[in-house]
C-alpha atoms as a PDB file:
ATOM      1  CA  MET A   1      29.251  36.672  27.687  1.00  0.00           C
ATOM      2  CA  LEU A   2      29.931  35.999  24.014  1.00  0.00           C
ATOM      3  CA  PHE A   3      30.310  32.291  23.284  1.00  0.00           C
ATOM      4  CA  ALA A   4      29.778  29.802  20.461  1.00  0.00           C
ATOM      5  CA  THR A   5      28.620  26.257  19.877  1.00  0.00           C
ATOM      6  CA  PRO A   6      29.167  24.046  16.813  1.00  0.00           C
ATOM      7  CA  THR A   7      26.164  23.433  14.616  1.00  0.00           C
ATOM      8  CA  ARG A   8      24.717  19.920  14.708  1.00  0.00           C
ATOM      9  CA  TYR A   9      26.366  18.647  11.522  1.00  0.00           C
ATOM     10  CA  GLY A  10      29.565  20.669  11.833  1.00  0.00           C
ATOM     11  CA  ALA A  11      28.961  23.093   8.972  1.00  0.00           C
ATOM     12  CA  GLY A  12      29.717  26.054  11.176  1.00  0.00           C
ATOM     13  CA  LEU A  13      29.165  27.610  14.557  1.00  0.00           C
ATOM     14  CA  THR A  14      26.421  29.533  16.291  1.00  0.00           C
ATOM     15  CA  ILE A  15      27.605  32.729  17.965  1.00  0.00           C
ATOM     16  CA  TRP A  16      25.581  33.497  21.111  1.00  0.00           C
ATOM     17  CA  GLY A  17      25.325  36.559  23.297  1.00  0.00           C
ATOM     18  CA  ASP A  18      23.027  39.199  24.670  1.00  0.00           C
ATOM     19  CA  TYR A  19      22.535  42.535  22.932  1.00  0.00           C
ATOM     20  CA  TYR A  20      25.654  44.070  24.473  1.00  0.00           C
ATOM     21  CA  ASP A  21      27.893  41.058  23.760  1.00  0.00           C
ATOM     22  CA  LEU A  22      26.912  40.978  20.103  1.00  0.00           C
ATOM     23  CA  ARG A  23      27.064  44.739  19.756  1.00  0.00           C
ATOM     24  CA  HIS A  24      30.622  44.672  21.103  1.00  0.00           C
ATOM     25  CA  ALA A  25      31.611  41.992  18.555  1.00  0.00           C
ATOM     26  CA  HIS A  26      29.967  43.993  15.766  1.00  0.00           C
ATOM     27  CA  ASP A  27      31.720  47.207  16.796  1.00  0.00           C
ATOM     28  CA  THR A  28      35.081  45.439  17.051  1.00  0.00           C
ATOM     29  CA  ILE A  29      34.952  44.233  13.452  1.00  0.00           C
ATOM     30  CA  SER A  30      33.620  47.573  12.228  1.00  0.00           C
ATOM     31  CA  HIS A  31      36.411  49.463  13.990  1.00  0.00           C
ATOM     32  CA  PHE A  32      39.203  47.522  12.344  1.00  0.00           C
ATOM     33  CA  PHE A  33      37.706  47.791   8.864  1.00  0.00           C
ATOM     34  CA  ASN A  34      36.226  51.275   8.927  1.00  0.00           C
ATOM     35  CA  HIS A  35      39.757  52.524   9.635  1.00  0.00           C
ATOM     36  CA  SER A  36      41.525  50.109   7.305  1.00  0.00           C
ATOM     37  CA  PRO A  37      43.318  50.915   4.029  1.00  0.00           C
ATOM     38  CA  MET A  38      42.478  47.392   2.860  1.00  0.00           C
ATOM     39  CA  GLU A  39      41.084  46.922  -0.645  1.00  0.00           C
ATOM     40  CA  TYR A  40      37.299  47.193  -0.975  1.00  0.00           C
ATOM     41  CA  GLY A  41      36.591  43.533  -1.751  1.00  0.00           C
ATOM     42  CA  LEU A  42      38.351  42.082   1.296  1.00  0.00           C
ATOM     43  CA  LYS A  43      36.883  44.811   3.478  1.00  0.00           C
ATOM     44  CA  GLU A  44      33.316  44.168   2.354  1.00  0.00           C
ATOM     45  CA  TYR A  45      33.792  40.426   2.672  1.00  0.00           C
ATOM     46  CA  THR A  46      34.856  40.726   6.311  1.00  0.00           C
ATOM     47  CA  LEU A  47      32.227  43.326   7.176  1.00  0.00           C
ATOM     48  CA  SER A  48      29.594  40.782   6.138  1.00  0.00           C
ATOM     49  CA  LEU A  49      30.357  39.064   9.478  1.00  0.00           C
ATOM     50  CA  SER A  50      29.470  42.249  11.352  1.00  0.00           C
ATOM     51  CA  TYR A  51      26.309  42.398   9.218  1.00  0.00           C
ATOM     52  CA  ASP A  52      25.284  38.904  10.394  1.00  0.00           C
ATOM     53  CA  ILE A  53      26.055  39.776  14.006  1.00  0.00           C
ATOM     54  CA  ARG A  54      24.076  43.003  13.734  1.00  0.00           C
ATOM     55  CA  HIS A  55      21.015  41.085  12.580  1.00  0.00           C
ATOM     56  CA  ALA A  56      21.489  38.755  15.545  1.00  0.00           C
ATOM     57  CA  TYR A  57      21.373  41.564  18.120  1.00  0.00           C
ATOM     58  CA  GLN A  58      18.430  43.045  16.249  1.00  0.00           C
ATOM     59  CA  ARG A  59      16.663  39.740  16.993  1.00  0.00           C
ATOM     60  CA  ASP A  60      16.397  38.773  13.319  1.00  0.00           C
ATOM     61  CA  ARG A  61      18.180  35.424  13.671  1.00  0.00           C
ATOM     62  CA  GLN A  62      18.012  32.912  16.547  1.00  0.00           C
ATOM     63  CA  ILE A  63      16.699  33.321  20.091  1.00  0.00           C
ATOM     64  CA  LYS A  64      17.287  30.663  22.753  1.00  0.00           C
ATOM     65  CA  LYS A  65      16.975  30.381  26.513  1.00  0.00           C
ATOM     66  CA  PHE A  66      19.879  28.932  28.512  1.00  0.00           C
ATOM     67  CA  GLY A  67      19.858  27.853  32.152  1.00  0.00           C
ATOM     68  CA  MET A  68      18.519  25.278  34.565  1.00  0.00           C
ATOM     69  CA  ASP A  69      15.650  27.110  36.290  1.00  0.00           C
ATOM     70  CA  GLU A  70      13.990  30.500  36.680  1.00  0.00           C
ATOM     71  CA  LEU A  71      16.875  31.779  38.814  1.00  0.00           C
ATOM     72  CA  ASP A  72      19.582  31.475  36.175  1.00  0.00           C
ATOM     73  CA  THR A  73      17.668  31.315  32.891  1.00  0.00           C
ATOM     74  CA  VAL A  74      18.867  33.879  30.347  1.00  0.00           C
ATOM     75  CA  GLU A  75      17.726  34.621  26.812  1.00  0.00           C
ATOM     76  CA  TYR A  76      20.532  34.774  24.284  1.00  0.00           C
ATOM     77  CA  LEU A  77      20.548  35.831  20.653  1.00  0.00           C
ATOM     78  CA  GLY A  78      22.475  33.875  18.045  1.00  0.00           C
ATOM     79  CA  VAL A  79      23.493  33.565  14.421  1.00  0.00           C
ATOM     80  CA  ASN A  80      24.905  30.672  12.363  1.00  0.00           C
ATOM     81  CA  VAL A  81      28.072  31.231  10.322  1.00  0.00           C
ATOM     82  CA  LEU A  82      29.699  28.642   8.053  1.00  0.00           C
ATOM     83  CA  TRP A  83      33.198  27.648   9.114  1.00  0.00           C
ATOM     84  CA  PRO A  84      35.173  28.789   6.054  1.00  0.00           C
ATOM     85  CA  PHE A  85      33.527  32.217   6.227  1.00  0.00           C
ATOM     86  CA  PHE A  86      34.041  32.700   9.961  1.00  0.00           C
ATOM     87  CA  LEU A  87      37.640  31.485  10.075  1.00  0.00           C
ATOM     88  CA  THR A  88      38.789  33.599   7.139  1.00  0.00           C
ATOM     89  CA  GLN A  89      36.897  36.665   8.368  1.00  0.00           C
ATOM     90  CA  VAL A  90      38.410  36.447  11.854  1.00  0.00           C
ATOM     91  CA  ALA A  91      41.849  35.880  10.299  1.00  0.00           C
ATOM     92  CA  LEU A  92      41.381  39.079   8.285  1.00  0.00           C
ATOM     93  CA  VAL A  93      40.361  41.009  11.405  1.00  0.00           C
ATOM     94  CA  ARG A  94      43.520  39.787  13.158  1.00  0.00           C
ATOM     95  CA  GLN A  95      45.561  40.830  10.109  1.00  0.00           C
ATOM     96  CA  GLN A  96      44.169  44.355  10.321  1.00  0.00           C
ATOM     97  CA  ALA A  97      44.893  44.573  14.044  1.00  0.00           C
ATOM     98  CA  ALA A  98      48.558  44.876  13.101  1.00  0.00           C
ATOM     99  CA  TYR A  99      47.901  48.067  11.121  1.00  0.00           C
ATOM    100  CA  VAL A 100      44.922  49.829  12.711  1.00  0.00           C
ATOM    101  CA  PRO A 101      45.291  51.634  16.060  1.00  0.00           C
ATOM    102  CA  HIS A 102      42.967  50.161  18.656  1.00  0.00           C
ATOM    103  CA  THR A 103      42.219  50.095  22.356  1.00  0.00           C
ATOM    104  CA  GLU A 104      42.179  47.264  24.873  1.00  0.00           C
ATOM    105  CA  ARG A 105      38.438  47.000  24.285  1.00  0.00           C
ATOM    106  CA  GLU A 106      38.842  46.226  20.569  1.00  0.00           C
ATOM    107  CA  GLN A 107      41.671  43.793  21.299  1.00  0.00           C
ATOM    108  CA  ALA A 108      39.440  42.039  23.842  1.00  0.00           C
ATOM    109  CA  GLY A 109      36.661  41.818  21.248  1.00  0.00           C
ATOM    110  CA  LEU A 110      39.029  40.155  18.791  1.00  0.00           C
ATOM    111  CA  TYR A 111      40.201  37.642  21.420  1.00  0.00           C
ATOM    112  CA  LEU A 112      36.560  36.797  22.153  1.00  0.00           C
ATOM    113  CA  LEU A 113      35.904  36.072  18.465  1.00  0.00           C
ATOM    114  CA  GLU A 114      38.991  33.842  18.341  1.00  0.00           C
ATOM    115  CA  ASN A 115      37.869  32.105  21.520  1.00  0.00           C
ATOM    116  CA  CYS A 116      34.466  31.436  19.938  1.00  0.00           C
ATOM    117  CA  ALA A 117      36.276  29.702  17.075  1.00  0.00           C
ATOM    118  CA  ARG A 118      38.478  27.645  19.386  1.00  0.00           C
ATOM    119  CA  ALA A 119      35.686  26.516  21.716  1.00  0.00           C
ATOM    120  CA  ALA A 120      33.304  25.498  18.935  1.00  0.00           C
ATOM    121  CA  LEU A 121      36.017  23.778  16.861  1.00  0.00           C
ATOM    122  CA  LEU A 122      37.261  21.677  19.773  1.00  0.00           C
ATOM    123  CA  ALA A 123      33.728  20.884  20.926  1.00  0.00           C
ATOM    124  CA  TYR A 124      32.980  19.328  17.545  1.00  0.00           C
ATOM    125  CA  ASP A 125      36.253  17.443  16.967  1.00  0.00           C
ATOM    126  CA  LYS A 126      39.304  17.927  19.188  1.00  0.00           C
ATOM    127  CA  VAL A 127      41.892  16.710  16.688  1.00  0.00           C
ATOM    128  CA  VAL A 128      40.646  18.401  13.517  1.00  0.00           C
ATOM    129  CA  GLY A 129      39.464  21.380  15.544  1.00  0.00           C
ATOM    130  CA  GLN A 130      42.967  21.971  16.918  1.00  0.00           C
ATOM    131  CA  GLU A 131      44.416  21.806  13.402  1.00  0.00           C
ATOM    132  CA  LEU A 132      41.889  24.374  12.212  1.00  0.00           C
ATOM    133  CA  PHE A 133      42.542  26.679  15.157  1.00  0.00           C
ATOM    134  CA  LEU A 134      46.284  26.565  14.454  1.00  0.00           C
ATOM    135  CA  TRP A 135      45.478  27.578  10.860  1.00  0.00           C
ATOM    136  CA  LEU A 136      43.482  30.529  12.185  1.00  0.00           C
ATOM    137  CA  LYS A 137      46.292  31.661  14.500  1.00  0.00           C
ATOM    138  CA  HIS A 138      48.960  31.334  11.823  1.00  0.00           C
ATOM    139  CA  PRO A 139      49.748  34.744  10.279  1.00  0.00           C
ATOM    140  CA  HIS A 140      47.851  35.297   7.036  1.00  0.00           C
ATOM    141  CA  SER A 141      48.358  38.017   4.474  1.00  0.00           C
ATOM    142  CA  PHE A 142      45.864  38.111   1.640  1.00  0.00           C
ATOM    143  CA  PRO A 143      46.956  40.593  -1.057  1.00  0.00           C
ATOM    144  CA  ASP A 144      44.732  43.522  -1.999  1.00  0.00           C
ATOM    145  CA  ASP A 145      43.914  41.976  -5.372  1.00  0.00           C
ATOM    146  CA  TYR A 146      42.721  38.706  -3.811  1.00  0.00           C
ATOM    147  CA  LEU A 147      39.483  37.514  -5.437  1.00  0.00           C
ATOM    148  CA  THR A 148      37.056  37.117  -2.541  1.00  0.00           C
ATOM    149  CA  GLU A 149      34.752  35.059  -4.742  1.00  0.00           C
ATOM    150  CA  TYR A 150      37.153  32.197  -4.076  1.00  0.00           C
ATOM    151  CA  PHE A 151      36.150  32.305  -0.402  1.00  0.00           C
ATOM    152  CA  ASN A 152      32.562  31.764  -1.557  1.00  0.00           C
ATOM    153  CA  HIS A 153      33.643  28.967  -3.905  1.00  0.00           C
ATOM    154  CA  VAL A 154      35.486  27.073  -1.153  1.00  0.00           C
ATOM    155  CA  THR A 155      32.652  27.566   1.316  1.00  0.00           C
ATOM    156  CA  ARG A 156      30.136  26.205  -1.165  1.00  0.00           C
ATOM    157  CA  LEU A 157      32.322  23.140  -1.757  1.00  0.00           C
ATOM    158  CA  PHE A 158      32.610  22.576   1.977  1.00  0.00           C
ATOM    159  CA  ALA A 159      28.920  23.003   2.754  1.00  0.00           C
ATOM    160  CA  THR A 160      27.316  21.163  -0.138  1.00  0.00           C
ATOM    161  CA  GLU A 161      29.684  18.400  -1.255  1.00  0.00           C
ATOM    162  CA  GLY A 162      30.234  15.092   0.485  1.00  0.00           C
ATOM    163  CA  LYS A 163      28.631  13.587   3.552  1.00  0.00           C
ATOM    164  CA  ALA A 164      27.611  16.029   6.290  1.00  0.00           C
ATOM    165  CA  GLY A 165      29.059  15.720   9.778  1.00  0.00           C
ATOM    166  CA  LYS A 166      32.546  14.607  10.827  1.00  0.00           C
ATOM    167  CA  THR A 167      33.395  13.438   7.295  1.00  0.00           C
ATOM    168  CA  ARG A 168      32.778  16.915   5.901  1.00  0.00           C
ATOM    169  CA  PHE A 169      34.520  18.601   8.829  1.00  0.00           C
ATOM    170  CA  LYS A 170      37.703  16.594   8.224  1.00  0.00           C
ATOM    171  CA  ARG A 171      37.907  18.013   4.686  1.00  0.00           C
ATOM    172  CA  LEU A 172      38.078  21.585   5.948  1.00  0.00           C
ATOM    173  CA  PRO A 173      41.842  21.859   6.691  1.00  0.00           C
ATOM    174  CA  ARG A 174      42.673  20.840   3.139  1.00  0.00           C
ATOM    175  CA  LEU A 175      40.154  23.292   1.695  1.00  0.00           C
ATOM    176  CA  LEU A 176      41.505  26.142   3.816  1.00  0.00           C
ATOM    177  CA  ARG A 177      45.036  25.477   2.595  1.00  0.00           C
ATOM    178  CA  THR A 178      43.866  26.190  -0.967  1.00  0.00           C
ATOM    179  CA  LEU A 179      43.003  29.760   0.069  1.00  0.00           C
ATOM    180  CA  HIS A 180      46.673  30.696  -0.113  1.00  0.00           C
ATOM    181  CA  PRO A 181      47.163  33.183  -2.991  1.00  0.00           C
ATOM    182  CA  ILE A 182      49.767  30.963  -4.684  1.00  0.00           C
ATOM    183  CA  SER A 183      47.995  27.617  -4.265  1.00  0.00           C
ATOM    184  CA  LYS A 184      47.341  25.774  -7.515  1.00  0.00           C
ATOM    185  CA  GLU A 185      43.596  25.757  -6.802  1.00  0.00           C
ATOM    186  CA  TYR A 186      43.409  29.502  -6.275  1.00  0.00           C
ATOM    187  CA  THR A 187      45.647  30.371  -9.209  1.00  0.00           C
ATOM    188  CA  ALA A 188      43.528  28.166 -11.516  1.00  0.00           C
ATOM    189  CA  PHE A 189      40.337  29.796 -10.216  1.00  0.00           C
ATOM    190  CA  LYS A 190      41.837  33.257 -10.715  1.00  0.00           C
ATOM    191  CA  ALA A 191      42.973  32.446 -14.264  1.00  0.00           C
ATOM    192  CA  LYS A 192      39.491  31.215 -15.171  1.00  0.00           C
ATOM    193  CA  LEU A 193      37.859  34.363 -13.805  1.00  0.00           C
ATOM    194  CA  GLU A 194      40.336  36.567 -15.648  1.00  0.00           C
ATOM    195  CA  VAL A 195      39.452  34.876 -18.953  1.00  0.00           C
ATOM    196  CA  THR A 196      35.726  35.325 -18.271  1.00  0.00           C
ATOM    197  CA  ALA A 197      36.239  38.942 -17.243  1.00  0.00           C
ATOM    198  CA  LYS A 198      38.160  39.672 -20.433  1.00  0.00           C
ATOM    199  CA  GLU A 199      35.336  38.192 -22.494  1.00  0.00           C
ATOM    200  CA  LYS A 200      32.791  40.341 -20.657  1.00  0.00           C
ATOM    201  CA  GLY A 201      34.947  43.461 -20.673  1.00  0.00           C
ATOM    202  CA  CYS A 202      35.019  43.874 -16.882  1.00  0.00           C
ATOM    203  CA  SER A 203      37.258  43.322 -13.870  1.00  0.00           C
ATOM    204  CA  PRO A 204      37.441  39.841 -12.295  1.00  0.00           C
ATOM    205  CA  HIS A 205      36.362  41.536  -9.062  1.00  0.00           C
ATOM    206  CA  GLU A 206      33.045  42.398 -10.692  1.00  0.00           C
ATOM    207  CA  LEU A 207      32.166  38.751 -11.311  1.00  0.00           C
ATOM    208  CA  SER A 208      30.011  37.035  -8.716  1.00  0.00           C
ATOM    209  CA  ASP A 209      28.093  33.778  -8.604  1.00  0.00           C
ATOM    210  CA  TRP A 210      24.560  34.614  -7.512  1.00  0.00           C
ATOM    211  CA  GLY A 211      23.204  31.110  -8.075  1.00  0.00           C
ATOM    212  CA  ASP A 212      21.278  29.363  -5.317  1.00  0.00           C
ATOM    213  CA  TRP A 213      23.204  26.868  -3.213  1.00  0.00           C
ATOM    214  CA  PRO A 214      21.962  23.296  -2.937  1.00  0.00           C
ATOM    215  CA  ASP A 215      20.386  22.396   0.398  1.00  0.00           C
ATOM    216  CA  PHE A 216      22.887  21.383   3.070  1.00  0.00           C
ATOM    217  CA  LYS A 217      22.805  20.313   6.697  1.00  0.00           C
ATOM    218  CA  TRP A 218      24.053  22.813   9.226  1.00  0.00           C
END
């Protein structure tokens, strides 16, 4: 059974499952985006979640035993994902579900990913978690020219600035609201990248920040 737990300091969640659970989640995301007309940047950004999940079922991430005794102990595989990444990626998968033909199996996989978000959010903070889950379930429509580097920018702000734990978690709803394509924060970020891109003679979509992140508590 695919499930999730919040990380200790609320930076994200750990997705847990056996090989088949994680493979199903991976295949669900891949299905919606391998058949999607969505622009390359948004597609690659969301497929990075399936990449993380693939490394989990390949046993490259976390391995933990759950259970009380030898009769019910099970070994599960897991992977950490930061909240802003996971919530926006799942929102994009849900967006594509409206356009890409799919079976009950793929729909079930998407519901399981959304349930992972809900369970881990509420386990960490019921009030803020409910607000964040409502954000996830609200219809989102990111345009094809959306600069996915802004997702990285917001996630870095969330993970590395301010006090870790509940204080940081409470900042997340406000940060997610800035992801809207007409928010003042996003439009300012986009304008800055467009100026830099013009100076370098390239597209804003070709600009990426490859700098190392400061240490943060998961």
